[in-house]
Amino acid sequence: MLLGRKTAHERIASFLLALAGREERLGGEPNLVNLPMTRTDIADYLGLTTETVSRVLTSLKKRGWIVLRGNDGVELADRDAIEELAAGSE
């Protein structure tokens, strides 16, 4: 229900933070996220289109907030900014 009220940017930021939290709990790097899903899977999971997911990831990359690591990884380069975005405070 919360995702229904968030923008696409906020949804993806929340999603990335949730995955980062999972990585950290499993003993991994807190700012490195493994994406075991395709962009289409992410879009379906978040209720977005594949194009929107790609646009948002590109936007976050251009801002310097994330670094894409191939097709299956993301580094949270500016976690504070992503947390603010997820909270709707951007």
Protein backbone atom coordinates (compact mmCIF):
# COMPACT_ATOMS: atom_id res chain seq x y z
CA MET A 1 0.00 0.00 0.00
CA LEU A 2 2.86 2.38 0.77
CA LEU A 3 4.34 1.88 -2.69
CA GLY A 4 1.10 3.08 -4.24
CA ARG A 5 1.68 6.55 -2.82
CA LYS A 6 5.32 6.85 -3.83
CA THR A 7 6.74 8.22 -7.05
CA ALA A 8 8.77 5.94 -9.31
CA HIS A 9 12.00 7.47 -7.97
CA GLU A 10 10.87 6.90 -4.38
CA ARG A 11 9.81 3.30 -5.11
CA ILE A 12 13.13 2.40 -6.67
CA ALA A 13 15.09 4.15 -3.91
CA SER A 14 13.10 2.20 -1.29
CA PHE A 15 13.66 -1.02 -3.22
CA LEU A 16 17.42 -0.45 -3.42
CA LEU A 17 17.60 0.36 0.28
CA ALA A 18 15.65 -2.79 1.17
CA LEU A 19 18.05 -4.91 -0.88
CA ALA A 20 21.04 -3.10 0.66
CA GLY A 21 19.67 -3.83 4.13
CA ARG A 22 19.31 -7.50 3.20
CA GLU A 23 22.89 -7.60 1.91
CA GLU A 24 24.13 -6.05 5.14
CA ARG A 25 22.17 -8.50 7.31
CA LEU A 26 23.74 -11.36 5.34
CA GLY A 27 27.22 -10.01 6.07
CA GLY A 28 27.79 -8.26 2.75
CA GLU A 29 28.80 -4.73 1.92
CA PRO A 30 26.05 -2.32 3.02
CA ASN A 31 26.30 -0.15 -0.10
CA LEU A 32 26.60 -2.92 -2.68
CA VAL A 33 23.35 -4.39 -3.94
CA ASN A 34 23.06 -7.56 -5.98
CA LEU A 35 20.07 -7.39 -8.30
CA PRO A 36 18.89 -10.93 -8.82
CA MET A 37 16.06 -9.60 -10.97
CA THR A 38 15.86 -8.16 -14.46
CA ARG A 39 14.57 -4.63 -14.97
CA THR A 40 11.31 -6.20 -16.18
CA ASP A 41 11.03 -8.21 -12.94
CA ILE A 42 11.77 -5.09 -10.89
CA ALA A 43 9.14 -3.16 -12.85
CA ASP A 44 6.54 -5.87 -12.24
CA TYR A 45 7.42 -6.06 -8.54
CA LEU A 46 7.16 -2.28 -8.09
CA GLY A 47 4.17 -1.71 -10.36
CA LEU A 48 6.15 0.28 -12.92
CA THR A 49 7.11 -0.15 -16.56
CA THR A 50 10.49 -1.47 -17.61
CA GLU A 51 11.20 1.85 -19.31
CA THR A 52 10.47 3.75 -16.11
CA VAL A 53 12.83 1.54 -14.11
CA SER A 54 15.57 2.12 -16.68
CA ARG A 55 14.94 5.89 -16.74
CA VAL A 56 15.04 6.16 -12.95
CA LEU A 57 18.22 4.11 -12.64
CA THR A 58 19.83 6.28 -15.32
CA SER A 59 18.68 9.41 -13.49
CA LEU A 60 20.13 8.21 -10.18
CA LYS A 61 23.35 7.31 -11.98
CA LYS A 62 23.62 10.77 -13.60
CA ARG A 63 23.14 12.39 -10.18
CA GLY A 64 26.04 10.32 -8.88
CA TRP A 65 23.86 8.57 -6.31
CA ILE A 66 24.39 5.07 -7.70
CA VAL A 67 26.99 3.28 -9.77
CA LEU A 68 25.73 0.46 -11.99
CA ARG A 69 27.90 -2.66 -11.75
CA GLY A 70 27.10 -4.66 -14.86
CA ASN A 71 23.59 -6.03 -15.24
CA ASP A 72 23.23 -7.39 -11.74
CA GLY A 73 24.72 -4.96 -9.29
CA VAL A 74 24.34 -1.44 -7.95
CA GLU A 75 26.58 0.52 -5.63
CA LEU A 76 24.86 3.11 -3.45
CA ALA A 77 27.35 5.93 -3.93
CA ASP A 78 25.30 8.48 -1.96
CA ARG A 79 23.18 6.48 0.46
CA ASP A 80 22.03 9.58 2.35
CA ALA A 81 20.54 11.06 -0.83
CA ILE A 82 18.84 7.76 -1.65
CA GLU A 83 17.41 7.55 1.87
CA GLU A 84 16.04 11.08 1.56
CA LEU A 85 14.54 10.24 -1.81
CA ALA A 86 12.92 7.07 -0.45
CA ALA A 87 11.41 9.12 2.38
CA GLY A 88 9.98 11.61 -0.10
CA SER A 89 12.28 14.38 1.08
CA GLU A 90 14.19 15.01 -2.14
